[in-house]
Amino acid sequence: MELIKKIKEAETESQRIIERAKADATESVQKGKQAEQQALTQAERDRKKAIETAIAAGQKQGQAEAAGLKVEGQNRREQLRAKAKTQMNAAVTSVTGYLGK
């Protein structure tokens, strides 16, 4: 009788152990899923931040290039105006010299 009682107690205890192991496994899986979700969320934030940083850098670079091209264009216009003025003065001198003869 005592042996049967001990066997039943052992079965009950083993059932409790199994149930606790199942609960622990379920909890472990949930924590793993939660950690994975947090990692994915952080990766998404990092990706967006990298994109924003790249966009900002591209905008700054584009603005710098545009400013450089604007200065270069102004310099070329000034050179062309100076060249045209020199040629125009030479042409006027030539025409007035021809007309004065």
PDB file of N, CA and C in Angstrom:
ATOM      1  N   MET A   1       0.808  -1.180   0.000  1.00  0.00           N
ATOM      2  CA  MET A   1       0.000   0.000   0.000  1.00  0.00           C
ATOM      3  C   MET A   1       0.870   1.271   0.000  1.00  0.00           C
ATOM      4  N   GLU A   2       1.876   1.218   0.838  1.00  0.00           N
ATOM      5  CA  GLU A   2       2.800   2.351   0.924  1.00  0.00           C
ATOM      6  C   GLU A   2       3.515   2.546  -0.405  1.00  0.00           C
ATOM      7  N   LEU A   3       3.877   1.473  -1.070  1.00  0.00           N
ATOM      8  CA  LEU A   3       4.569   1.535  -2.348  1.00  0.00           C
ATOM      9  C   LEU A   3       3.675   2.169  -3.413  1.00  0.00           C
ATOM     10  N   ILE A   4       2.395   1.808  -3.424  1.00  0.00           N
ATOM     11  CA  ILE A   4       1.446   2.373  -4.394  1.00  0.00           C
ATOM     12  C   ILE A   4       1.304   3.878  -4.159  1.00  0.00           C
ATOM     13  N   LYS A   5       1.258   4.263  -2.889  1.00  0.00           N
ATOM     14  CA  LYS A   5       1.142   5.673  -2.548  1.00  0.00           C
ATOM     15  C   LYS A   5       2.377   6.434  -3.035  1.00  0.00           C
ATOM     16  N   LYS A   6       3.560   5.870  -2.856  1.00  0.00           N
ATOM     17  CA  LYS A   6       4.797   6.509  -3.306  1.00  0.00           C
ATOM     18  C   LYS A   6       4.862   6.586  -4.824  1.00  0.00           C
ATOM     19  N   ILE A   7       4.360   5.556  -5.489  1.00  0.00           N
ATOM     20  CA  ILE A   7       4.328   5.563  -6.960  1.00  0.00           C
ATOM     21  C   ILE A   7       3.404   6.668  -7.453  1.00  0.00           C
ATOM     22  N   LYS A   8       2.230   6.801  -6.833  1.00  0.00           N
ATOM     23  CA  LYS A   8       1.288   7.853  -7.230  1.00  0.00           C
ATOM     24  C   LYS A   8       1.879   9.234  -6.964  1.00  0.00           C
ATOM     25  N   GLU A   9       2.553   9.383  -5.848  1.00  0.00           N
ATOM     26  CA  GLU A   9       3.197  10.662  -5.539  1.00  0.00           C
ATOM     27  C   GLU A   9       4.289  10.972  -6.567  1.00  0.00           C
ATOM     28  N   ALA A  10       5.018   9.938  -6.930  1.00  0.00           N
ATOM     29  CA  ALA A  10       6.072  10.125  -7.920  1.00  0.00           C
ATOM     30  C   ALA A  10       5.470  10.501  -9.269  1.00  0.00           C
ATOM     31  N   GLU A  11       4.363   9.867  -9.636  1.00  0.00           N
ATOM     32  CA  GLU A  11       3.684  10.200 -10.892  1.00  0.00           C
ATOM     33  C   GLU A  11       3.178  11.643 -10.862  1.00  0.00           C
ATOM     34  N   THR A  12       2.595  12.036  -9.729  1.00  0.00           N
ATOM     35  CA  THR A  12       2.087  13.398  -9.584  1.00  0.00           C
ATOM     36  C   THR A  12       3.244  14.392  -9.685  1.00  0.00           C
ATOM     37  N   GLU A  13       4.346  14.065  -8.998  1.00  0.00           N
ATOM     38  CA  GLU A  13       5.512  14.942  -9.043  1.00  0.00           C
ATOM     39  C   GLU A  13       6.081  15.019 -10.456  1.00  0.00           C
ATOM     40  N   SER A  14       6.155  13.896 -11.145  1.00  0.00           N
ATOM     41  CA  SER A  14       6.684  13.910 -12.507  1.00  0.00           C
ATOM     42  C   SER A  14       5.762  14.701 -13.429  1.00  0.00           C
ATOM     43  N   GLN A  15       4.469  14.628 -13.198  1.00  0.00           N
ATOM     44  CA  GLN A  15       3.509  15.402 -13.994  1.00  0.00           C
ATOM     45  C   GLN A  15       3.723  16.901 -13.759  1.00  0.00           C
ATOM     46  N   ARG A  16       3.949  17.268 -12.478  1.00  0.00           N
ATOM     47  CA  ARG A  16       4.224  18.674 -12.160  1.00  0.00           C
ATOM     48  C   ARG A  16       5.511  19.131 -12.847  1.00  0.00           C
ATOM     49  N   ILE A  17       6.518  18.287 -12.829  1.00  0.00           N
ATOM     50  CA  ILE A  17       7.793  18.617 -13.465  1.00  0.00           C
ATOM     51  C   ILE A  17       7.603  18.814 -14.962  1.00  0.00           C
ATOM     52  N   ILE A  18       6.842  17.932 -15.580  1.00  0.00           N
ATOM     53  CA  ILE A  18       6.570  18.034 -17.022  1.00  0.00           C
ATOM     54  C   ILE A  18       5.820  19.322 -17.329  1.00  0.00           C
ATOM     55  N   GLU A  19       4.796  19.620 -16.544  1.00  0.00           N
ATOM     56  CA  GLU A  19       4.015  20.842 -16.766  1.00  0.00           C
ATOM     57  C   GLU A  19       4.890  22.087 -16.585  1.00  0.00           C
ATOM     58  N   ARG A  20       5.750  22.053 -15.561  1.00  0.00           N
ATOM     59  CA  ARG A  20       6.637  23.198 -15.335  1.00  0.00           C
ATOM     60  C   ARG A  20       7.635  23.340 -16.493  1.00  0.00           C
ATOM     61  N   ALA A  21       8.135  22.216 -16.999  1.00  0.00           N
ATOM     62  CA  ALA A  21       9.062  22.248 -18.127  1.00  0.00           C
ATOM     63  C   ALA A  21       8.374  22.820 -19.363  1.00  0.00           C
ATOM     64  N   LYS A  22       7.112  22.419 -19.580  1.00  0.00           N
ATOM     65  CA  LYS A  22       6.352  22.966 -20.707  1.00  0.00           C
ATOM     66  C   LYS A  22       6.175  24.474 -20.548  1.00  0.00           C
ATOM     67  N   ALA A  23       5.835  24.904 -19.341  1.00  0.00           N
ATOM     68  CA  ALA A  23       5.641  26.336 -19.088  1.00  0.00           C
ATOM     69  C   ALA A  23       6.955  27.091 -19.294  1.00  0.00           C
ATOM     70  N   ASP A  24       8.049  26.521 -18.807  1.00  0.00           N
ATOM     71  CA  ASP A  24       9.359  27.154 -18.987  1.00  0.00           C
ATOM     72  C   ASP A  24       9.733  27.238 -20.460  1.00  0.00           C
ATOM     73  N   ALA A  25       9.452  26.176 -21.208  1.00  0.00           N
ATOM     74  CA  ALA A  25       9.764  26.172 -22.640  1.00  0.00           C
ATOM     75  C   ALA A  25       8.932  27.224 -23.372  1.00  0.00           C
ATOM     76  N   THR A  26       7.659  27.311 -23.031  1.00  0.00           N
ATOM     77  CA  THR A  26       6.778  28.303 -23.649  1.00  0.00           C
ATOM     78  C   THR A  26       7.272  29.710 -23.336  1.00  0.00           C
ATOM     79  N   GLU A  27       7.640  29.935 -22.088  1.00  0.00           N
ATOM     80  CA  GLU A  27       8.147  31.243 -21.678  1.00  0.00           C
ATOM     81  C   GLU A  27       9.443  31.576 -22.412  1.00  0.00           C
ATOM     82  N   SER A  28      10.299  30.589 -22.560  1.00  0.00           N
ATOM     83  CA  SER A  28      11.565  30.782 -23.257  1.00  0.00           C
ATOM     84  C   SER A  28      11.328  31.138 -24.729  1.00  0.00           C
ATOM     85  N   VAL A  29      10.395  30.464 -25.365  1.00  0.00           N
ATOM     86  CA  VAL A  29      10.061  30.754 -26.764  1.00  0.00           C
ATOM     87  C   VAL A  29       9.508  32.174 -26.882  1.00  0.00           C
ATOM     88  N   GLN A  30       8.635  32.559 -25.945  1.00  0.00           N
ATOM     89  CA  GLN A  30       8.058  33.907 -25.980  1.00  0.00           C
ATOM     90  C   GLN A  30       9.145  34.966 -25.822  1.00  0.00           C
ATOM     91  N   LYS A  31      10.082  34.718 -24.905  1.00  0.00           N
ATOM     92  CA  LYS A  31      11.173  35.669 -24.713  1.00  0.00           C
ATOM     93  C   LYS A  31      12.036  35.749 -25.969  1.00  0.00           C
ATOM     94  N   GLY A  32      12.260  34.615 -26.610  1.00  0.00           N
ATOM     95  CA  GLY A  32      13.032  34.603 -27.852  1.00  0.00           C
ATOM     96  C   GLY A  32      12.343  35.395 -28.943  1.00  0.00           C
ATOM     97  N   LYS A  33      11.037  35.205 -29.062  1.00  0.00           N
ATOM     98  CA  LYS A  33      10.272  35.956 -30.062  1.00  0.00           C
ATOM     99  C   LYS A  33      10.299  37.443 -29.760  1.00  0.00           C
ATOM    100  N   GLN A  34      10.178  37.773 -28.494  1.00  0.00           N
ATOM    101  CA  GLN A  34      10.195  39.172 -28.087  1.00  0.00           C
ATOM    102  C   GLN A  34      11.558  39.806 -28.385  1.00  0.00           C
ATOM    103  N   ALA A  35      12.629  39.079 -28.086  1.00  0.00           N
ATOM    104  CA  ALA A  35      13.977  39.588 -28.364  1.00  0.00           C
ATOM    105  C   ALA A  35      14.188  39.755 -29.865  1.00  0.00           C
ATOM    106  N   GLU A  36      13.684  38.812 -30.646  1.00  0.00           N
ATOM    107  CA  GLU A  36      13.806  38.904 -32.104  1.00  0.00           C
ATOM    108  C   GLU A  36      13.050  40.113 -32.630  1.00  0.00           C
ATOM    109  N   GLN A  37      11.859  40.347 -32.104  1.00  0.00           N
ATOM    110  CA  GLN A  37      11.062  41.492 -32.538  1.00  0.00           C
ATOM    111  C   GLN A  37      11.766  42.799 -32.180  1.00  0.00           C
ATOM    112  N   GLN A  38      12.350  42.852 -30.993  1.00  0.00           N
ATOM    113  CA  GLN A  38      13.077  44.057 -30.592  1.00  0.00           C
ATOM    114  C   GLN A  38      14.282  44.284 -31.498  1.00  0.00           C
ATOM    115  N   ALA A  39      14.971  43.206 -31.841  1.00  0.00           N
ATOM    116  CA  ALA A  39      16.130  43.325 -32.726  1.00  0.00           C
ATOM    117  C   ALA A  39      15.697  43.819 -34.110  1.00  0.00           C
ATOM    118  N   LEU A  40      14.581  43.299 -34.612  1.00  0.00           N
ATOM    119  CA  LEU A  40      14.070  43.749 -35.910  1.00  0.00           C
ATOM    120  C   LEU A  40      13.658  45.221 -35.854  1.00  0.00           C
ATOM    121  N   THR A  41      13.018  45.614 -34.781  1.00  0.00           N
ATOM    122  CA  THR A  41      12.602  47.006 -34.622  1.00  0.00           C
ATOM    123  C   THR A  41      13.822  47.919 -34.579  1.00  0.00           C
ATOM    124  N   GLN A  42      14.840  47.525 -33.841  1.00  0.00           N
ATOM    125  CA  GLN A  42      16.063  48.325 -33.756  1.00  0.00           C
ATOM    126  C   GLN A  42      16.757  48.392 -35.112  1.00  0.00           C
ATOM    127  N   ALA A  43      16.784  47.285 -35.825  1.00  0.00           N
ATOM    128  CA  ALA A  43      17.404  47.265 -37.148  1.00  0.00           C
ATOM    129  C   ALA A  43      16.664  48.206 -38.101  1.00  0.00           C
ATOM    130  N   GLU A  44      15.357  48.243 -38.002  1.00  0.00           N
ATOM    131  CA  GLU A  44      14.556  49.135 -38.851  1.00  0.00           C
ATOM    132  C   GLU A  44      14.863  50.596 -38.511  1.00  0.00           C
ATOM    133  N   ARG A  45      14.975  50.888 -37.209  1.00  0.00           N
ATOM    134  CA  ARG A  45      15.329  52.255 -36.799  1.00  0.00           C
ATOM    135  C   ARG A  45      16.708  52.635 -37.330  1.00  0.00           C
ATOM    136  N   ASP A  46      17.655  51.716 -37.200  1.00  0.00           N
ATOM    137  CA  ASP A  46      19.016  51.976 -37.680  1.00  0.00           C
ATOM    138  C   ASP A  46      19.027  52.207 -39.189  1.00  0.00           C
ATOM    139  N   ARG A  47      18.244  51.416 -39.910  1.00  0.00           N
ATOM    140  CA  ARG A  47      18.168  51.554 -41.369  1.00  0.00           C
ATOM    141  C   ARG A  47      17.607  52.927 -41.746  1.00  0.00           C
ATOM    142  N   LYS A  48      16.531  53.325 -41.081  1.00  0.00           N
ATOM    143  CA  LYS A  48      15.928  54.633 -41.374  1.00  0.00           C
ATOM    144  C   LYS A  48      16.899  55.760 -41.048  1.00  0.00           C
ATOM    145  N   LYS A  49      17.618  55.625 -39.944  1.00  0.00           N
ATOM    146  CA  LYS A  49      18.586  56.657 -39.569  1.00  0.00           C
ATOM    147  C   LYS A  49      19.706  56.737 -40.604  1.00  0.00           C
ATOM    148  N   ALA A  50      20.160  55.587 -41.091  1.00  0.00           N
ATOM    149  CA  ALA A  50      21.217  55.574 -42.109  1.00  0.00           C
ATOM    150  C   ALA A  50      20.726  56.226 -43.395  1.00  0.00           C
ATOM    151  N   ILE A  51      19.485  55.972 -43.757  1.00  0.00           N
ATOM    152  CA  ILE A  51      18.906  56.579 -44.960  1.00  0.00           C
ATOM    153  C   ILE A  51      18.818  58.096 -44.791  1.00  0.00           C
ATOM    154  N   GLU A  52      18.332  58.536 -43.627  1.00  0.00           N
ATOM    155  CA  GLU A  52      18.220  59.975 -43.377  1.00  0.00           C
ATOM    156  C   GLU A  52      19.595  60.647 -43.404  1.00  0.00           C
ATOM    157  N   THR A  53      20.581  59.974 -42.833  1.00  0.00           N
ATOM    158  CA  THR A  53      21.940  60.522 -42.830  1.00  0.00           C
ATOM    159  C   THR A  53      22.478  60.627 -44.253  1.00  0.00           C
ATOM    160  N   ALA A  54      22.240  59.589 -45.053  1.00  0.00           N
ATOM    161  CA  ALA A  54      22.702  59.601 -46.444  1.00  0.00           C
ATOM    162  C   ALA A  54      22.003  60.697 -47.244  1.00  0.00           C
ATOM    163  N   ILE A  55      20.718  60.872 -46.998  1.00  0.00           N
ATOM    164  CA  ILE A  55      19.965  61.918 -47.698  1.00  0.00           C
ATOM    165  C   ILE A  55      20.513  63.295 -47.327  1.00  0.00           C
ATOM    166  N   ALA A  56      20.741  63.496 -46.029  1.00  0.00           N
ATOM    167  CA  ALA A  56      21.274  64.798 -45.582  1.00  0.00           C
ATOM    168  C   ALA A  56      22.651  65.052 -46.182  1.00  0.00           C
ATOM    169  N   ALA A  57      23.483  64.025 -46.199  1.00  0.00           N
ATOM    170  CA  ALA A  57      24.823  64.185 -46.785  1.00  0.00           C
ATOM    171  C   ALA A  57      24.719  64.482 -48.275  1.00  0.00           C
ATOM    172  N   GLY A  58      23.812  63.799 -48.965  1.00  0.00           N
ATOM    173  CA  GLY A  58      23.611  64.042 -50.390  1.00  0.00           C
ATOM    174  C   GLY A  58      23.120  65.452 -50.664  1.00  0.00           C
ATOM    175  N   GLN A  59      22.223  65.933 -49.810  1.00  0.00           N
ATOM    176  CA  GLN A  59      21.722  67.295 -49.982  1.00  0.00           C
ATOM    177  C   GLN A  59      22.841  68.316 -49.785  1.00  0.00           C
ATOM    178  N   LYS A  60      23.651  68.106 -48.756  1.00  0.00           N
ATOM    179  CA  LYS A  60      24.758  69.037 -48.517  1.00  0.00           C
ATOM    180  C   LYS A  60      25.733  69.016 -49.685  1.00  0.00           C
ATOM    181  N   GLN A  61      26.035  67.821 -50.159  1.00  0.00           N
ATOM    182  CA  GLN A  61      26.965  67.704 -51.289  1.00  0.00           C
ATOM    183  C   GLN A  61      26.373  68.351 -52.528  1.00  0.00           C
ATOM    184  N   GLY A  62      25.097  68.138 -52.761  1.00  0.00           N
ATOM    185  CA  GLY A  62      24.433  68.743 -53.919  1.00  0.00           C
ATOM    186  C   GLY A  62      24.430  70.261 -53.839  1.00  0.00           C
ATOM    187  N   GLN A  63      24.181  70.790 -52.649  1.00  0.00           N
ATOM    188  CA  GLN A  63      24.191  72.240 -52.474  1.00  0.00           C
ATOM    189  C   GLN A  63      25.589  72.804 -52.705  1.00  0.00           C
ATOM    190  N   ALA A  64      26.593  72.085 -52.209  1.00  0.00           N
ATOM    191  CA  ALA A  64      27.976  72.549 -52.404  1.00  0.00           C
ATOM    192  C   ALA A  64      28.339  72.530 -53.884  1.00  0.00           C
ATOM    193  N   GLU A  65      27.953  71.462 -54.584  1.00  0.00           N
ATOM    194  CA  GLU A  65      28.237  71.373 -56.016  1.00  0.00           C
ATOM    195  C   GLU A  65      27.495  72.473 -56.779  1.00  0.00           C
ATOM    196  N   ALA A  66      26.247  72.722 -56.394  1.00  0.00           N
ATOM    197  CA  ALA A  66      25.462  73.760 -57.066  1.00  0.00           C
ATOM    198  C   ALA A  66      26.106  75.132 -56.858  1.00  0.00           C
ATOM    199  N   ALA A  67      26.563  75.383 -55.647  1.00  0.00           N
ATOM    200  CA  ALA A  67      27.221  76.671 -55.371  1.00  0.00           C
ATOM    201  C   ALA A  67      28.503  76.794 -56.197  1.00  0.00           C
ATOM    202  N   GLY A  68      29.261  75.708 -56.275  1.00  0.00           N
ATOM    203  CA  GLY A  68      30.484  75.726 -57.084  1.00  0.00           C
ATOM    204  C   GLY A  68      30.195  75.967 -58.545  1.00  0.00           C
ATOM    205  N   LEU A  69      29.158  75.303 -59.065  1.00  0.00           N
ATOM    206  CA  LEU A  69      28.784  75.502 -60.469  1.00  0.00           C
ATOM    207  C   LEU A  69      28.283  76.925 -60.717  1.00  0.00           C
ATOM    208  N   LYS A  70      27.595  77.490 -59.742  1.00  0.00           N
ATOM    209  CA  LYS A  70      27.110  78.856 -59.887  1.00  0.00           C
ATOM    210  C   LYS A  70      28.287  79.827 -59.981  1.00  0.00           C
ATOM    211  N   VAL A  71      29.267  79.643 -59.121  1.00  0.00           N
ATOM    212  CA  VAL A  71      30.462  80.506 -59.158  1.00  0.00           C
ATOM    213  C   VAL A  71      31.203  80.322 -60.474  1.00  0.00           C
ATOM    214  N   GLU A  72      31.328  79.071 -60.902  1.00  0.00           N
ATOM    215  CA  GLU A  72      32.016  78.790 -62.166  1.00  0.00           C
ATOM    216  C   GLU A  72      31.272  79.449 -63.334  1.00  0.00           C
ATOM    217  N   GLY A  73      29.960  79.394 -63.316  1.00  0.00           N
ATOM    218  CA  GLY A  73      29.155  80.033 -64.370  1.00  0.00           C
ATOM    219  C   GLY A  73      29.325  81.539 -64.384  1.00  0.00           C
ATOM    220  N   GLN A  74      29.350  82.124 -63.199  1.00  0.00           N
ATOM    221  CA  GLN A  74      29.545  83.574 -63.113  1.00  0.00           C
ATOM    222  C   GLN A  74      30.923  83.964 -63.649  1.00  0.00           C
ATOM    223  N   ASN A  75      31.934  83.181 -63.296  1.00  0.00           N
ATOM    224  CA  ASN A  75      33.284  83.462 -63.796  1.00  0.00           C
ATOM    225  C   ASN A  75      33.341  83.368 -65.320  1.00  0.00           C
ATOM    226  N   ARG A  76      32.705  82.357 -65.864  1.00  0.00           N
ATOM    227  CA  ARG A  76      32.708  82.204 -67.331  1.00  0.00           C
ATOM    228  C   ARG A  76      31.986  83.360 -68.000  1.00  0.00           C
ATOM    229  N   ARG A  77      30.863  83.789 -67.426  1.00  0.00           N
ATOM    230  CA  ARG A  77      30.130  84.921 -68.002  1.00  0.00           C
ATOM    231  C   ARG A  77      30.991  86.178 -67.975  1.00  0.00           C
ATOM    232  N   GLU A  78      31.667  86.398 -66.867  1.00  0.00           N
ATOM    233  CA  GLU A  78      32.527  87.581 -66.763  1.00  0.00           C
ATOM    234  C   GLU A  78      33.664  87.515 -67.777  1.00  0.00           C
ATOM    235  N   GLN A  79      34.230  86.334 -67.966  1.00  0.00           N
ATOM    236  CA  GLN A  79      35.303  86.172 -68.955  1.00  0.00           C
ATOM    237  C   GLN A  79      34.774  86.448 -70.363  1.00  0.00           C
ATOM    238  N   LEU A  80      33.598  85.907 -70.666  1.00  0.00           N
ATOM    239  CA  LEU A  80      33.006  86.131 -71.985  1.00  0.00           C
ATOM    240  C   LEU A  80      32.689  87.604 -72.207  1.00  0.00           C
ATOM    241  N   ARG A  81      32.170  88.263 -71.162  1.00  0.00           N
ATOM    242  CA  ARG A  81      31.872  89.697 -71.296  1.00  0.00           C
ATOM    243  C   ARG A  81      33.158  90.481 -71.549  1.00  0.00           C
ATOM    244  N   ALA A  82      34.211  90.155 -70.799  1.00  0.00           N
ATOM    245  CA  ALA A  82      35.489  90.865 -70.985  1.00  0.00           C
ATOM    246  C   ALA A  82      36.038  90.616 -72.381  1.00  0.00           C
ATOM    247  N   LYS A  83      35.953  89.379 -72.844  1.00  0.00           N
ATOM    248  CA  LYS A  83      36.443  89.044 -74.188  1.00  0.00           C
ATOM    249  C   LYS A  83      35.613  89.759 -75.251  1.00  0.00           C
ATOM    250  N   ALA A  84      34.296  89.764 -75.062  1.00  0.00           N
ATOM    251  CA  ALA A  84      33.411  90.426 -76.025  1.00  0.00           C
ATOM    252  C   ALA A  84      33.671  91.931 -76.038  1.00  0.00           C
ATOM    253  N   LYS A  85      33.903  92.496 -74.857  1.00  0.00           N
ATOM    254  CA  LYS A  85      34.165  93.933 -74.777  1.00  0.00           C
ATOM    255  C   LYS A  85      35.472  94.275 -75.493  1.00  0.00           C
ATOM    256  N   THR A  86      36.486  93.448 -75.286  1.00  0.00           N
ATOM    257  CA  THR A  86      37.765  93.679 -75.961  1.00  0.00           C
ATOM    258  C   THR A  86      37.600  93.597 -77.470  1.00  0.00           C
ATOM    259  N   GLN A  87      36.880  92.558 -77.923  1.00  0.00           N
ATOM    260  CA  GLN A  87      36.671  92.392 -79.361  1.00  0.00           C
ATOM    261  C   GLN A  87      35.810  93.519 -79.924  1.00  0.00           C
ATOM    262  N   MET A  88      34.823  93.952 -79.137  1.00  0.00           N
ATOM    263  CA  MET A  88      33.962  95.034 -79.602  1.00  0.00           C
ATOM    264  C   MET A  88      34.773  96.333 -79.698  1.00  0.00           C
ATOM    265  N   ASN A  89      35.602  96.613 -78.723  1.00  0.00           N
ATOM    266  CA  ASN A  89      36.444  97.814 -78.774  1.00  0.00           C
ATOM    267  C   ASN A  89      37.391  97.764 -79.975  1.00  0.00           C
ATOM    268  N   ALA A  90      37.951  96.591 -80.239  1.00  0.00           N
ATOM    269  CA  ALA A  90      38.845  96.444 -81.388  1.00  0.00           C
ATOM    270  C   ALA A  90      38.073  96.662 -82.684  1.00  0.00           C
ATOM    271  N   ALA A  91      36.844  96.139 -82.744  1.00  0.00           N
ATOM    272  CA  ALA A  91      36.023  96.305 -83.947  1.00  0.00           C
ATOM    273  C   ALA A  91      35.646  97.771 -84.132  1.00  0.00           C
ATOM    274  N   VAL A  92      35.276  98.444 -83.061  1.00  0.00           N
ATOM    275  CA  VAL A  92      34.916  99.858 -83.150  1.00  0.00           C
ATOM    276  C   VAL A  92      36.119 100.669 -83.604  1.00  0.00           C
ATOM    277  N   THR A  93      37.284 100.377 -83.057  1.00  0.00           N
ATOM    278  CA  THR A  93      38.513 101.091 -83.451  1.00  0.00           C
ATOM    279  C   THR A  93      38.810 100.846 -84.924  1.00  0.00           C
ATOM    280  N   SER A  94      38.633  99.620 -85.342  1.00  0.00           N
ATOM    281  CA  SER A  94      38.888  99.278 -86.736  1.00  0.00           C
ATOM    282  C   SER A  94      37.914  99.989 -87.654  1.00  0.00           C
ATOM    283  N   VAL A  95      36.639  99.987 -87.294  1.00  0.00           N
ATOM    284  CA  VAL A  95      35.626 100.614 -88.159  1.00  0.00           C
ATOM    285  C   VAL A  95      35.825 102.126 -88.183  1.00  0.00           C
ATOM    286  N   THR A  96      36.070 102.710 -87.026  1.00  0.00           N
ATOM    287  CA  THR A  96      36.276 104.180 -87.019  1.00  0.00           C
ATOM    288  C   THR A  96      37.553 104.559 -87.757  1.00  0.00           C
ATOM    289  N   GLY A  97      38.566 103.706 -87.696  1.00  0.00           N
ATOM    290  CA  GLY A  97      39.797 103.953 -88.455  1.00  0.00           C
ATOM    291  C   GLY A  97      39.521 103.835 -89.934  1.00  0.00           C
ATOM    292  N   TYR A  98      38.716 102.883 -90.338  1.00  0.00           N
ATOM    293  CA  TYR A  98      38.403 102.691 -91.754  1.00  0.00           C
ATOM    294  C   TYR A  98      37.541 103.854 -92.261  1.00  0.00           C
ATOM    295  N   LEU A  99      36.568 104.255 -91.430  1.00  0.00           N
ATOM    296  CA  LEU A  99      35.694 105.352 -91.837  1.00  0.00           C
ATOM    297  C   LEU A  99      36.448 106.691 -91.846  1.00  0.00           C
ATOM    298  N   GLY A 100      37.456 106.819 -91.021  1.00  0.00           N
ATOM    299  CA  GLY A 100      38.208 108.084 -90.953  1.00  0.00           C
ATOM    300  C   GLY A 100      39.136 108.256 -92.145  1.00  0.00           C
ATOM    301  N   LYS A 101      39.430 107.247 -92.877  1.00  0.00           N
ATOM    302  CA  LYS A 101      40.345 107.367 -94.014  1.00  0.00           C
ATOM    303  C   LYS A 101      39.680 107.947 -95.188  1.00  0.00           C
TER     304      LYS A 101
END
